[in-house]
C-alpha atoms as a PDB file:
ATOM      1  CA  MET A   1      31.551 -73.708 -13.258  1.00  0.00           C
ATOM      2  CA  ASP A   2      33.301 -70.551 -13.699  1.00  0.00           C
ATOM      3  CA  MET A   3      34.701 -69.518 -17.145  1.00  0.00           C
ATOM      4  CA  ILE A   4      38.103 -68.506 -17.765  1.00  0.00           C
ATOM      5  CA  ALA A   5      38.768 -66.626 -20.891  1.00  0.00           C
ATOM      6  CA  LEU A   6      41.547 -68.644 -23.281  1.00  0.00           C
ATOM      7  CA  THR A   7      43.455 -66.518 -25.793  1.00  0.00           C
ATOM      8  CA  PRO A   8      42.593 -68.569 -29.748  1.00  0.00           C
ATOM      9  CA  GLU A   9      45.765 -70.077 -29.486  1.00  0.00           C
ATOM     10  CA  ARG A  10      45.740 -70.977 -25.705  1.00  0.00           C
ATOM     11  CA  ARG A  11      42.563 -72.695 -26.663  1.00  0.00           C
ATOM     12  CA  ALA A  12      44.013 -74.599 -28.930  1.00  0.00           C
ATOM     13  CA  GLN A  13      47.050 -75.863 -27.380  1.00  0.00           C
ATOM     14  CA  LEU A  14      44.833 -76.464 -24.930  1.00  0.00           C
ATOM     15  CA  ASP A  15      42.129 -78.438 -27.109  1.00  0.00           C
ATOM     16  CA  ASN A  16      45.723 -80.374 -28.198  1.00  0.00           C
ATOM     17  CA  TYR A  17      46.725 -81.366 -25.571  1.00  0.00           C
ATOM     18  CA  ALA A  18      43.184 -82.841 -24.602  1.00  0.00           C
ATOM     19  CA  GLN A  19      43.307 -85.240 -27.315  1.00  0.00           C
ATOM     20  CA  ARG A  20      46.307 -85.741 -27.133  1.00  0.00           C
ATOM     21  CA  HIS A  21      45.850 -87.477 -23.510  1.00  0.00           C
ATOM     22  CA  GLY A  22      41.928 -88.550 -24.178  1.00  0.00           C
ATOM     23  CA  LYS A  23      41.148 -85.817 -21.896  1.00  0.00           C
ATOM     24  CA  ASP A  24      38.553 -83.083 -22.232  1.00  0.00           C
ATOM     25  CA  SER A  25      38.891 -79.453 -21.925  1.00  0.00           C
ATOM     26  CA  ALA A  26      38.384 -78.486 -18.658  1.00  0.00           C
ATOM     27  CA  GLY A  27      39.420 -81.922 -17.586  1.00  0.00           C
ATOM     28  CA  ALA A  28      43.419 -81.168 -19.251  1.00  0.00           C
ATOM     29  CA  LEU A  29      43.001 -77.932 -17.776  1.00  0.00           C
ATOM     30  CA  ASP A  30      42.860 -79.255 -14.396  1.00  0.00           C
ATOM     31  CA  GLU A  31      45.658 -81.169 -14.992  1.00  0.00           C
ATOM     32  CA  VAL A  32      47.775 -79.203 -15.805  1.00  0.00           C
ATOM     33  CA  LEU A  33      47.269 -76.336 -13.745  1.00  0.00           C
ATOM     34  CA  ALA A  34      47.190 -78.322 -11.017  1.00  0.00           C
ATOM     35  CA  ASP A  35      50.980 -80.164 -11.794  1.00  0.00           C
ATOM     36  CA  TRP A  36      52.424 -76.526 -12.624  1.00  0.00           C
ATOM     37  CA  LEU A  37      50.821 -74.985  -9.553  1.00  0.00           C
ATOM     38  CA  GLU A  38      52.420 -78.205  -7.208  1.00  0.00           C
ATOM     39  CA  ASP A  39      56.128 -77.279  -9.143  1.00  0.00           C
ATOM     40  CA  GLU A  40      56.002 -74.100  -8.085  1.00  0.00           C
ATOM     41  CA  ALA A  41      54.986 -74.731  -5.067  1.00  0.00           C
ATOM     42  CA  ARG A  42      57.669 -76.319  -4.930  1.00  0.00           C
ATOM     43  CA  ASP A  43      59.932 -74.427  -6.119  1.00  0.00           C
ATOM     44  CA  TYR A  44      59.229 -71.890  -3.644  1.00  0.00           C
ATOM     45  CA  GLN A  45      59.598 -73.847  -1.032  1.00  0.00           C
ATOM     46  CA  GLU A  46      63.163 -74.701  -2.351  1.00  0.00           C
ATOM     47  CA  ALA A  47      63.917 -70.651  -2.854  1.00  0.00           C
ATOM     48  CA  VAL A  48      62.840 -69.754   0.675  1.00  0.00           C
ATOM     49  CA  GLU A  49      64.390 -72.552   1.998  1.00  0.00           C
ATOM     50  CA  GLY A  50      67.842 -72.140   0.038  1.00  0.00           C
ATOM     51  CA  PHE A  51      67.413 -68.046   1.603  1.00  0.00           C
ATOM     52  CA  ARG A  52      67.436 -69.555   5.006  1.00  0.00           C
ATOM     53  CA  ARG A  53      70.443 -71.012   4.497  1.00  0.00           C
ATOM     54  CA  GLY A  54      72.385 -68.645   3.034  1.00  0.00           C
ATOM     55  CA  PHE A  55      71.571 -66.094   5.701  1.00  0.00           C
ATOM     56  CA  SER A  56      71.761 -68.843   8.507  1.00  0.00           C
ATOM     57  CA  ASP A  57      75.512 -69.618   6.968  1.00  0.00           C
ATOM     58  CA  LEU A  58      75.549 -65.293   6.779  1.00  0.00           C
ATOM     59  CA  LYS A  59      74.340 -64.893  10.353  1.00  0.00           C
ATOM     60  CA  SER A  60      77.608 -67.376  11.764  1.00  0.00           C
ATOM     61  CA  GLY A  61      80.406 -65.859   9.532  1.00  0.00           C
ATOM     62  CA  HIS A  62      80.368 -69.501   7.395  1.00  0.00           C
ATOM     63  CA  VAL A  63      81.038 -67.334   4.013  1.00  0.00           C
ATOM     64  CA  GLN A  64      83.830 -66.093   2.430  1.00  0.00           C
ATOM     65  CA  PRO A  65      84.228 -62.795   0.167  1.00  0.00           C
ATOM     66  CA  VAL A  66      83.026 -63.504  -3.288  1.00  0.00           C
ATOM     67  CA  ASP A  67      86.576 -62.252  -4.377  1.00  0.00           C
ATOM     68  CA  LEU A  68      88.813 -64.857  -2.390  1.00  0.00           C
ATOM     69  CA  VAL A  69      87.115 -67.868  -3.782  1.00  0.00           C
ATOM     70  CA  PHE A  70      86.996 -65.841  -7.278  1.00  0.00           C
ATOM     71  CA  GLU A  71      91.189 -65.953  -5.984  1.00  0.00           C
ATOM     72  CA  ARG A  72      91.383 -69.420  -5.624  1.00  0.00           C
ATOM     73  CA  LEU A  73      89.483 -70.447  -8.548  1.00  0.00           C
ATOM     74  CA  ARG A  74      91.648 -69.023 -10.841  1.00  0.00           C
ATOM     75  CA  ALA A  75      94.428 -70.256  -8.484  1.00  0.00           C
ATOM     76  CA  LYS A  76      93.254 -73.706  -8.704  1.00  0.00           C
ATOM     77  CA  HIS A  77      91.731 -74.070 -12.597  1.00  0.00           C
ATOM     78  CA  ALA A  78      94.641 -71.271 -13.881  1.00  0.00           C
ATOM     79  CA  ILE A  79      92.451 -68.846 -15.123  1.00  0.00           C
ATOM     80  CA  PRO A  80      94.627 -65.299 -16.155  1.00  0.00           C
ATOM     81  CA  ARG A  81      93.698 -62.436 -14.154  1.00  0.00           C
ATOM     82  CA  GLY A  82      90.829 -60.267 -16.699  1.00  0.00           C
ATOM     83  CA  THR A  83      88.491 -63.004 -17.645  1.00  0.00           C
ATOM     84  CA  ASP A  84      86.473 -61.860 -14.856  1.00  0.00           C
ATOM     85  CA  HIS A  85      82.915 -59.512 -16.134  1.00  0.00           C
ATOM     86  CA  ARG A  86      83.017 -57.556 -12.556  1.00  0.00           C
ATOM     87  CA  GLU A  87      87.476 -57.222 -14.198  1.00  0.00           C
ATOM     88  CA  ARG A  88      87.067 -55.225 -17.170  1.00  0.00           C
END
């Protein structure tokens, strides 16, 4: 088994988590780390896919200038000019 150094604070949190979930510290750490790594991998894939879609939209011309989008939102919601931080 590899040893991983933890700060006393983190060790106390881990021990508390393990106790509340009826696990030993090693099992609790493995569970929490596995969950976090799965979430992180999913978030990464979603971000990559979002960039791919955005780049594809850009290449195909399915984008609008941000100034035009803001102007339409202002008109739709009766927002006066000067409320955009870029206009200050």
